[in-house]
Amino acid sequence: MWENNLTINNPFGISVFGSALIKTPPDLVSIQASAACTEQKPSAAFSKVRKVAHEVKDFLRRSNIEEFGMSQMRLAAEFAFIDGQRKFTGYTARITFQMILRSLDRTEGIVSGLVDSGANEIRSIEFETSDLKQIRARARRLAIAAAQEKAQIYADAAGVSVGDVLHIQDVNPQVLQGRGEGHVQREPMIDNDSDKQTLDPGAIQVGAAVVVAFSLSSKKTA
């Protein structure tokens, strides 16, 4: 079972799993689009895609998109199966653009403008957060706090005291997605969901998970 991977070998105290999930709304969007043209000769494909790329650049500049980059031109031979045979169909020249928008409400207009200016491939639209590093650090702190709280609950129930931290093992936060077997519903893996009221389906989820080992000692009696 996958849980065995979370076990600390040769435990000599208490080892507990702690996790946290933070949901945050995106504050930027990354768009990747390409202009691709297919012609029988490479020179014709190059010339056509270069003209389209110029139109796309003009559109981005008119739209005051300062954060964008353009790839070098690529060329690939294209083939298709026609009547059961692989036949050459032409050369495709392609230039790809990558851009960042800080105003999410402009996404629809920019994508439409890219297409209108000749970008015939919208390769990806990814909503992201500029605070990922800080949010991930917060999630890790919450995961440690969750592990400490769980260890204290177990120790209180067992009549012992939680001592020093002996071991911290980072765990891939993908385990927070949980796993089920057949029709059986399993308990969610999240120990600390700090944003339970976040209902935005587009929220970015940043998780952290750890296994922490603590020493144990007998409680002192008065």
Protein backbone atom coordinates (compact mmCIF):
# COMPACT_ATOMS: atom_id res chain seq x y z
CA MET A 1 0.00 0.00 0.00
CA TRP A 2 1.15 3.53 -0.66
CA GLU A 3 0.94 4.46 3.03
CA ASN A 4 4.03 2.32 3.71
CA ASN A 5 6.13 4.92 1.94
CA LEU A 6 5.29 7.39 4.72
CA THR A 7 6.60 5.17 7.52
CA ILE A 8 9.83 6.15 9.28
CA ASN A 9 12.03 3.07 9.68
CA ASN A 10 12.98 2.04 13.22
CA PRO A 11 10.70 4.48 15.05
CA PHE A 12 11.63 5.26 18.64
CA GLY A 13 8.90 7.69 19.63
CA ILE A 14 5.87 8.77 17.64
CA SER A 15 5.71 9.51 13.92
CA VAL A 16 2.74 11.39 12.46
CA PHE A 17 1.64 12.67 9.08
CA GLY A 18 0.80 16.36 8.76
CA SER A 19 -0.58 18.15 5.71
CA ALA A 20 -2.00 21.48 4.65
CA LEU A 21 -3.73 22.90 1.61
CA ILE A 22 -3.98 26.58 0.77
CA LYS A 23 -6.32 27.83 -1.96
CA THR A 24 -5.51 31.18 -3.47
CA PRO A 25 -7.05 33.07 -6.40
CA PRO A 26 -4.76 33.56 -9.42
CA ASP A 27 -3.35 37.00 -10.06
CA LEU A 28 -1.74 36.44 -13.46
CA VAL A 29 -2.28 34.38 -16.59
CA SER A 30 0.37 32.89 -18.87
CA ILE A 31 -0.61 32.52 -22.52
CA GLN A 32 1.32 30.64 -25.18
CA ALA A 33 0.30 30.99 -28.80
CA SER A 34 1.91 30.16 -32.14
CA ALA A 35 1.74 31.32 -35.70
CA ALA A 36 2.18 28.36 -38.05
CA CYS A 37 2.18 28.38 -41.84
CA THR A 38 2.50 25.40 -44.18
CA GLU A 39 3.81 25.74 -47.71
CA GLN A 40 5.43 23.46 -50.29
CA LYS A 41 8.78 25.24 -50.03
CA PRO A 42 10.60 26.26 -46.82
CA SER A 43 11.27 29.77 -48.12
CA ALA A 44 7.57 30.38 -48.70
CA ALA A 45 6.68 29.06 -45.24
CA PHE A 46 9.36 31.26 -43.64
CA SER A 47 8.19 34.36 -45.47
CA LYS A 48 4.52 33.82 -44.61
CA VAL A 49 5.02 33.05 -40.91
CA ARG A 50 7.42 35.99 -40.53
CA LYS A 51 4.70 38.32 -41.82
CA VAL A 52 2.13 36.84 -39.43
CA ALA A 53 4.55 37.11 -36.49
CA HIS A 54 5.02 40.79 -37.30
CA GLU A 55 1.25 41.31 -37.10
CA VAL A 56 1.08 39.47 -33.76
CA LYS A 57 3.90 41.60 -32.32
CA ASP A 58 2.17 44.78 -33.46
CA PHE A 59 -1.03 43.65 -31.76
CA LEU A 60 0.76 42.90 -28.47
CA ARG A 61 2.49 46.28 -28.49
CA ARG A 62 -0.74 48.13 -29.30
CA SER A 63 -2.33 46.26 -26.40
CA ASN A 64 0.45 47.40 -24.04
CA ILE A 65 1.55 43.84 -23.30
CA GLU A 66 5.10 44.40 -22.05
CA GLU A 67 5.81 40.91 -20.74
CA PHE A 68 6.08 38.76 -23.85
CA GLY A 69 8.73 36.80 -25.67
CA MET A 70 9.05 35.23 -29.11
CA SER A 71 10.79 31.99 -30.05
CA GLN A 72 13.15 31.42 -32.93
CA MET A 73 11.54 30.19 -36.11
CA ARG A 74 11.08 26.41 -36.36
CA LEU A 75 10.60 24.33 -39.49
CA ALA A 76 9.18 20.82 -39.77
CA ALA A 77 8.27 18.60 -42.68
CA GLU A 78 4.62 17.52 -42.55
CA PHE A 79 3.19 14.19 -43.68
CA ALA A 80 -0.30 12.71 -43.80
CA PHE A 81 -1.76 9.30 -44.54
CA ILE A 82 -3.71 9.52 -47.79
CA ASP A 83 -5.26 6.40 -49.29
CA GLY A 84 -3.23 4.31 -46.88
CA GLN A 85 0.08 5.88 -47.84
CA ARG A 86 2.27 8.36 -45.99
CA LYS A 87 2.62 11.40 -48.22
CA PHE A 88 4.49 14.67 -47.87
CA THR A 89 2.12 17.65 -47.47
CA GLY A 90 4.52 20.54 -47.04
CA TYR A 91 6.83 22.43 -44.69
CA THR A 92 5.42 24.12 -41.58
CA ALA A 93 7.23 27.16 -40.20
CA ARG A 94 6.24 28.10 -36.66
CA ILE A 95 6.94 30.99 -34.28
CA THR A 96 5.69 30.79 -30.70
CA PHE A 97 4.81 33.67 -28.38
CA GLN A 98 4.73 33.55 -24.58
CA MET A 99 3.11 36.36 -22.61
CA ILE A 100 2.07 37.25 -19.06
CA LEU A 101 -1.07 39.22 -18.24
CA ARG A 102 -1.46 40.87 -14.85
CA SER A 103 -5.09 41.79 -15.50
CA LEU A 104 -7.07 38.57 -15.71
CA ASP A 105 -10.14 40.28 -17.14
CA ARG A 106 -8.14 41.03 -20.31
CA THR A 107 -7.60 37.34 -21.12
CA GLU A 108 -10.56 36.91 -23.45
CA GLY A 109 -9.79 40.05 -25.42
CA ILE A 110 -6.09 39.25 -25.80
CA VAL A 111 -6.73 35.68 -26.93
CA SER A 112 -9.28 36.88 -29.47
CA GLY A 113 -6.84 39.53 -30.69
CA LEU A 114 -4.06 36.97 -31.06
CA VAL A 115 -6.25 34.83 -33.27
CA ASP A 116 -7.45 37.82 -35.29
CA SER A 117 -3.85 38.92 -35.88
CA GLY A 118 -2.86 35.50 -37.24
CA ALA A 119 -1.84 33.30 -34.28
CA ASN A 120 -3.62 30.12 -35.37
CA GLU A 121 -2.53 27.95 -32.41
CA ILE A 122 -3.47 28.76 -28.82
CA ARG A 123 -1.19 26.28 -27.08
CA SER A 124 -1.95 27.01 -23.43
CA ILE A 125 -3.73 29.40 -21.05
CA GLU A 126 -2.49 28.91 -17.49
CA PHE A 127 -3.72 30.86 -14.46
CA GLU A 128 -0.98 31.28 -11.86
CA THR A 129 -0.02 33.18 -8.73
CA SER A 130 2.97 35.47 -8.31
CA ASP A 131 3.15 34.57 -4.60
CA LEU A 132 3.77 30.84 -5.07
CA LYS A 133 7.01 30.75 -3.05
CA GLN A 134 5.48 32.53 -0.06
CA ILE A 135 2.28 30.47 -0.19
CA ARG A 136 4.22 27.21 -0.38
CA ALA A 137 6.30 28.23 2.64
CA ARG A 138 3.10 28.98 4.56
CA ALA A 139 1.63 25.61 3.61
CA ARG A 140 4.76 23.85 4.90
CA ARG A 141 4.51 25.68 8.23
CA LEU A 142 0.86 24.69 8.51
CA ALA A 143 1.76 21.06 7.74
CA ILE A 144 4.26 21.05 10.61
CA ALA A 145 1.68 22.62 12.92
CA ALA A 146 -0.84 19.94 11.91
CA ALA A 147 1.67 17.20 12.68
CA GLN A 148 2.45 18.72 16.07
CA GLU A 149 -1.23 18.96 16.94
CA LYS A 150 -1.86 15.36 15.91
CA ALA A 151 1.13 14.12 17.93
CA GLN A 152 -0.16 15.98 20.98
CA ILE A 153 -3.59 14.39 20.66
CA TYR A 154 -2.10 10.90 20.47
CA ALA A 155 0.25 11.58 23.37
CA ASP A 156 -2.53 12.93 25.58
CA ALA A 157 -4.63 9.85 24.83
CA ALA A 158 -1.71 7.59 25.69
CA GLY A 159 -0.79 9.50 28.85
CA VAL A 160 2.67 10.53 27.69
CA SER A 161 4.40 13.79 26.75
CA VAL A 162 5.65 14.87 23.34
CA GLY A 163 9.36 15.61 23.31
CA ASP A 164 11.82 16.96 20.76
CA VAL A 165 11.51 16.62 16.99
CA LEU A 166 13.72 13.74 15.89
CA HIS A 167 13.01 13.53 12.18
CA ILE A 168 11.18 15.51 9.48
CA GLN A 169 10.45 13.83 6.16
CA ASP A 170 9.10 15.86 3.28
CA VAL A 171 6.29 14.14 1.37
CA ASN A 172 5.08 14.81 -2.16
CA PRO A 173 1.93 16.93 -1.65
CA GLN A 174 0.18 14.98 -4.42
CA VAL A 175 -0.85 12.57 -1.66
CA LEU A 176 -3.30 15.28 -0.60
CA GLN A 177 -5.46 14.33 -3.56
CA GLY A 178 -6.38 11.14 -1.68
CA ARG A 179 -7.02 7.76 -3.24
CA GLY A 180 -10.01 5.48 -3.21
CA GLU A 181 -10.58 1.78 -3.77
CA GLY A 182 -13.62 0.80 -5.79
CA HIS A 183 -16.77 2.37 -4.38
CA VAL A 184 -15.23 2.97 -0.94
CA GLN A 185 -15.02 6.62 0.09
CA ARG A 186 -11.84 7.42 1.99
CA GLU A 187 -11.26 10.15 4.52
CA PRO A 188 -9.60 13.23 2.97
CA MET A 189 -5.86 13.42 3.57
CA ILE A 190 -5.84 17.13 4.39
CA ASP A 191 -5.13 17.86 8.06
CA ASN A 192 -5.16 21.64 7.83
CA ASP A 193 -7.35 23.30 5.21
CA SER A 194 -6.78 26.96 5.99
CA ASP A 195 -9.17 28.26 3.32
CA LYS A 196 -12.27 26.16 3.69
CA GLN A 197 -14.52 29.02 2.57
CA THR A 198 -12.76 29.44 -0.80
CA LEU A 199 -15.35 28.41 -3.38
CA ASP A 200 -13.66 29.81 -6.48
CA PRO A 201 -13.33 26.82 -8.87
CA GLY A 202 -10.34 28.54 -10.45
CA ALA A 203 -8.42 28.86 -7.18
CA ILE A 204 -4.85 27.60 -7.21
CA GLN A 205 -4.21 24.85 -4.67
CA VAL A 206 -0.82 24.77 -2.99
CA GLY A 207 -0.17 21.83 -0.69
CA ALA A 208 2.50 20.56 1.67
CA ALA A 209 2.89 17.31 3.57
CA VAL A 210 5.39 15.94 6.07
CA VAL A 211 6.00 13.00 8.35
CA VAL A 212 7.44 14.13 11.68
CA ALA A 213 8.92 11.95 14.41
CA PHE A 214 8.90 13.10 18.04
CA SER A 215 10.43 11.59 21.14
CA LEU A 216 8.07 10.57 23.96
CA SER A 217 8.44 10.66 27.69
CA SER A 218 6.30 9.76 30.68
CA LYS A 219 4.24 12.57 32.13
CA LYS A 220 5.50 13.86 35.46
CA THR A 221 3.10 13.41 38.35
CA ALA A 222 2.78 16.07 41.02
